[in-house]
Amino acid sequence: MVEPALRLANVARTFRNGDVRLEVLRGAELAIDAGEAVALVAPSGAGKSTLLHLAGLLERPDAGEVHVLGRATMSMSDRERTALRRDAIGFVYQFHPLLREFSALENVVLPQMIAGHSRAEAARRADTLLQGFGLGQRLEHTPSRLSGGEQQRVAIARALANNPSVLLADEPTGNLDVATADTVFAQLMDTLRERNIAALIATHNPDLAARMDRRVTLRAGRIEILP
């Protein structure tokens, strides 16, 4: 049986502030197969960011297990988790934290070099990705010379630079106008399909959520499937 690319099993996460305990996740369960895009639709404060952080191995759950490519991660060392996160997981955020002093091409080259690729190989791959997102004429532009939609396309290309198996996105088009958001999202979905990448995408946009394979939400700390 083929393992899901990402699986959360009975995941729990509680935060404490003095005597106050806030159970953000309680026995959360979710499995996402390769090539499947799942929309995470929930109100602010429901725990979307916490869920994405746990799925992306940025935090450890208090209980339960996070499996990435069939590998249980709770017992991994911090170094092992960092290596798996670098090699298997890509992140896209609402506000694209690009390196302001570097060009679009360099922003996509750098994470590849950190992963051990040569500069020449990284530059070839960055060029291909950015060309695919319609940025062939913007390769040498710094973020200040790019529109919001162009910056987000660079951020998506950077997230895909190391060929991840899992993509986690937090409102990836939330700060774009409707037309630009639609274009960027369409390009993202095409890339996910082409590369068989599993994706968990948090969004408040019902139209974008409807274009994904499934929709889930968070209620009382648990993940529920939406119709």
Protein backbone atom coordinates (compact mmCIF):
# COMPACT_ATOMS: atom_id res chain seq x y z
CA MET A 1 0.00 0.00 0.00
CA VAL A 2 1.31 3.46 -0.94
CA GLU A 3 1.72 5.70 2.09
CA PRO A 4 0.19 9.20 2.02
CA ALA A 5 2.71 11.95 1.39
CA LEU A 6 1.54 13.60 4.64
CA ARG A 7 -0.35 12.01 7.51
CA LEU A 8 -1.29 13.42 10.90
CA ALA A 9 -2.32 10.76 13.39
CA ASN A 10 -4.09 11.72 16.63
CA VAL A 11 -2.14 14.96 16.86
CA ALA A 12 -2.61 17.15 19.93
CA ARG A 13 -1.21 20.57 20.76
CA THR A 14 -1.90 22.63 23.87
CA PHE A 15 -0.62 26.09 24.74
CA ARG A 16 -0.38 27.41 28.30
CA ASN A 17 -0.52 30.98 29.53
CA GLY A 18 -0.18 30.92 33.29
CA ASP A 19 -3.05 28.81 34.58
CA VAL A 20 -4.91 28.94 31.27
CA ARG A 21 -4.70 25.90 28.95
CA LEU A 22 -5.75 26.28 25.33
CA GLU A 23 -6.23 23.00 23.49
CA VAL A 24 -5.71 24.01 19.87
CA LEU A 25 -5.60 20.48 18.46
CA ARG A 26 -7.16 17.40 20.03
CA GLY A 27 -6.71 14.12 18.19
CA ALA A 28 -6.42 15.73 14.75
CA GLU A 29 -6.34 13.23 11.87
CA LEU A 30 -5.52 13.95 8.23
CA ALA A 31 -3.95 12.11 5.28
CA ILE A 32 -3.01 13.70 1.96
CA ASP A 33 -1.86 11.66 -1.02
CA ALA A 34 0.70 12.66 -3.60
CA GLY A 35 -0.85 14.98 -6.15
CA GLU A 36 -3.81 15.85 -3.91
CA ALA A 37 -4.63 19.42 -2.92
CA VAL A 38 -6.60 19.92 0.30
CA ALA A 39 -8.09 23.26 1.32
CA LEU A 40 -7.98 24.14 5.03
CA VAL A 41 -10.91 26.48 5.66
CA ALA A 42 -11.41 27.71 9.21
CA PRO A 43 -11.90 31.01 11.06
CA SER A 44 -9.02 32.95 12.55
CA GLY A 45 -7.92 31.49 15.85
CA ALA A 46 -9.09 27.97 15.03
CA GLY A 47 -5.54 26.62 14.81
CA LYS A 48 -4.71 26.71 11.09
CA SER A 49 -1.21 28.10 11.60
CA THR A 50 -0.49 25.62 14.38
CA LEU A 51 -1.60 22.76 12.16
CA LEU A 52 0.62 23.95 9.32
CA HIS A 53 3.59 24.37 11.65
CA LEU A 54 3.18 20.83 12.96
CA ALA A 55 2.71 19.39 9.47
CA GLY A 56 5.82 21.26 8.34
CA LEU A 57 7.93 19.98 11.26
CA LEU A 58 8.45 23.50 12.57
CA GLU A 59 6.94 22.43 15.91
CA ARG A 60 6.44 19.11 17.64
CA PRO A 61 2.98 18.00 18.77
CA ASP A 62 2.35 17.23 22.42
CA ALA A 63 0.96 13.85 21.39
CA GLY A 64 0.32 11.90 18.22
CA GLU A 65 2.49 11.49 15.16
CA VAL A 66 3.29 13.35 11.96
CA HIS A 67 4.31 11.13 9.05
CA VAL A 68 6.08 12.60 6.02
CA LEU A 69 6.56 10.23 3.08
CA GLY A 70 5.75 7.36 5.41
CA ARG A 71 8.38 8.34 7.97
CA ALA A 72 7.36 8.94 11.58
CA THR A 73 8.95 12.17 12.77
CA MET A 74 8.30 12.42 16.52
CA SER A 75 11.35 10.35 17.46
CA MET A 76 13.63 12.13 14.98
CA SER A 77 16.37 14.42 16.18
CA ASP A 78 16.16 18.12 15.36
CA ARG A 79 18.82 17.61 12.70
CA GLU A 80 16.87 14.79 11.07
CA ARG A 81 13.68 16.83 11.10
CA THR A 82 15.49 19.81 9.57
CA ALA A 83 16.91 17.64 6.78
CA LEU A 84 13.50 16.11 6.02
CA ARG A 85 11.84 19.52 6.07
CA ARG A 86 14.48 20.91 3.70
CA ASP A 87 14.26 17.99 1.26
CA ALA A 88 10.55 17.11 1.32
CA ILE A 89 8.51 20.18 2.32
CA GLY A 90 7.93 23.54 0.68
CA PHE A 91 6.30 26.56 2.36
CA VAL A 92 4.36 29.47 0.87
CA TYR A 93 3.14 32.33 3.06
CA GLN A 94 0.62 35.12 2.54
CA PHE A 95 3.32 37.75 2.86
CA HIS A 96 6.18 36.60 0.67
CA PRO A 97 9.35 37.04 2.81
CA LEU A 98 11.72 37.39 -0.12
CA LEU A 99 15.30 38.52 0.41
CA ARG A 100 15.03 42.16 -0.59
CA GLU A 101 18.63 42.67 -1.72
CA PHE A 102 18.63 39.65 -4.06
CA SER A 103 17.09 39.23 -7.49
CA ALA A 104 14.15 36.95 -8.25
CA LEU A 105 16.57 34.38 -9.67
CA GLU A 106 18.85 34.55 -6.62
CA ASN A 107 15.90 34.14 -4.26
CA VAL A 108 15.15 30.80 -5.93
CA VAL A 109 18.82 29.79 -6.24
CA LEU A 110 19.75 30.22 -2.57
CA PRO A 111 17.59 27.47 -1.00
CA GLN A 112 18.94 25.03 -3.55
CA MET A 113 22.53 25.89 -2.71
CA ILE A 114 21.73 25.46 0.99
CA ALA A 115 20.46 21.98 0.08
CA GLY A 116 23.82 21.20 -1.54
CA HIS A 117 23.24 21.91 -5.24
CA SER A 118 25.86 23.71 -7.28
CA ARG A 119 25.20 27.32 -8.20
CA ALA A 120 25.04 26.48 -11.91
CA GLU A 121 22.54 23.66 -11.37
CA ALA A 122 20.46 25.82 -9.01
CA ALA A 123 20.42 28.70 -11.49
CA ARG A 124 19.21 26.42 -14.30
CA ARG A 125 16.38 25.08 -12.17
CA ALA A 126 15.46 28.55 -10.88
CA ASP A 127 15.33 29.86 -14.44
CA THR A 128 13.04 27.02 -15.50
CA LEU A 129 10.69 27.54 -12.55
CA LEU A 130 10.48 31.30 -12.97
CA GLN A 131 9.97 30.98 -16.71
CA GLY A 132 7.11 28.58 -15.98
CA PHE A 133 5.47 31.23 -13.78
CA GLY A 134 5.77 33.85 -16.51
CA LEU A 135 8.69 35.71 -14.97
CA GLY A 136 11.26 35.22 -17.71
CA GLN A 137 11.62 38.99 -18.12
CA ARG A 138 11.94 39.58 -14.37
CA LEU A 139 14.80 37.25 -13.41
CA GLU A 140 17.21 40.03 -12.44
CA HIS A 141 14.62 42.24 -10.75
CA THR A 142 14.79 42.67 -6.98
CA PRO A 143 11.50 42.38 -5.05
CA SER A 144 11.07 46.16 -4.90
CA ARG A 145 10.80 46.17 -8.69
CA LEU A 146 8.17 43.41 -8.80
CA SER A 147 4.41 43.67 -8.37
CA GLY A 148 2.69 41.83 -5.52
CA GLY A 149 1.59 39.05 -7.84
CA GLU A 150 5.11 38.70 -9.28
CA GLN A 151 6.62 38.55 -5.81
CA GLN A 152 4.20 35.80 -4.83
CA ARG A 153 5.09 33.82 -7.95
CA VAL A 154 8.75 34.09 -6.96
CA ALA A 155 7.85 32.87 -3.46
CA ILE A 156 6.01 29.88 -4.92
CA ALA A 157 8.92 29.09 -7.24
CA ARG A 158 11.26 29.25 -4.25
CA ALA A 159 9.03 26.84 -2.31
CA LEU A 160 9.21 24.42 -5.23
CA ALA A 161 12.93 24.86 -5.86
CA ASN A 162 14.03 21.71 -4.00
CA ASN A 163 11.30 19.60 -5.61
CA PRO A 164 9.29 18.98 -2.41
CA SER A 165 6.82 16.15 -2.03
CA VAL A 166 4.60 18.25 0.24
CA LEU A 167 3.62 21.90 -0.10
CA LEU A 168 2.14 23.83 2.83
CA ALA A 169 0.61 27.22 2.09
CA ASP A 170 -0.92 29.79 4.43
CA GLU A 171 -3.24 32.16 2.52
CA PRO A 172 -0.90 32.18 -0.49
CA THR A 173 -3.07 34.66 -2.42
CA GLY A 174 -4.61 36.49 0.54
CA ASN A 175 -2.92 39.83 -0.12
CA LEU A 176 -3.54 39.88 -3.89
CA ASP A 177 -6.38 41.40 -5.88
CA VAL A 178 -9.01 39.00 -7.23
CA ALA A 179 -7.70 38.78 -10.79
CA THR A 180 -4.06 38.34 -9.75
CA ALA A 181 -5.01 35.81 -7.06
CA ASP A 182 -6.89 33.75 -9.64
CA THR A 183 -3.92 33.73 -12.03
CA VAL A 184 -1.35 32.87 -9.35
CA PHE A 185 -3.54 30.14 -7.89
CA ALA A 186 -4.14 28.58 -11.31
CA GLN A 187 -0.40 28.46 -11.95
CA LEU A 188 0.18 26.92 -8.52
CA MET A 189 -2.44 24.21 -9.07
CA ASP A 190 -1.02 23.37 -12.50
CA THR A 191 2.42 22.94 -10.96
CA LEU A 192 1.11 20.75 -8.15
CA ARG A 193 -0.60 18.46 -10.66
CA GLU A 194 2.41 18.31 -12.97
CA ARG A 195 4.83 17.48 -10.17
CA ASN A 196 2.48 15.18 -8.19
CA ILE A 197 2.90 17.26 -5.02
CA ALA A 198 0.62 16.85 -2.01
CA ALA A 199 -0.64 20.23 -0.76
CA LEU A 200 -2.39 21.58 2.32
CA ILE A 201 -3.50 25.14 1.60
CA ALA A 202 -5.13 27.38 4.20
CA THR A 203 -7.49 29.89 2.59
CA HIS A 204 -10.48 32.05 3.39
CA ASN A 205 -11.40 32.24 -0.28
CA PRO A 206 -14.33 29.86 -0.96
CA ASP A 207 -13.82 30.00 -4.73
CA LEU A 208 -10.21 28.86 -4.45
CA ALA A 209 -11.12 26.21 -1.89
CA ALA A 210 -13.74 24.79 -4.25
CA ARG A 211 -11.06 24.25 -6.92
CA MET A 212 -9.13 21.83 -4.69
CA ASP A 213 -9.75 18.10 -4.28
CA ARG A 214 -11.10 18.29 -0.73
CA ARG A 215 -12.00 20.86 1.89
CA VAL A 216 -11.43 20.39 5.61
CA THR A 217 -11.95 22.59 8.64
CA LEU A 218 -11.02 22.69 12.32
CA ARG A 219 -13.70 22.35 14.97
CA ALA A 220 -12.96 21.98 18.67
CA GLY A 221 -9.40 20.98 17.84
CA ARG A 222 -10.31 18.24 15.38
CA ILE A 223 -10.13 18.12 11.60
CA GLU A 224 -13.49 17.63 9.88
CA ILE A 225 -14.22 17.06 6.20
CA LEU A 226 -16.45 19.66 4.57
CA PRO A 227 -19.00 18.72 1.88
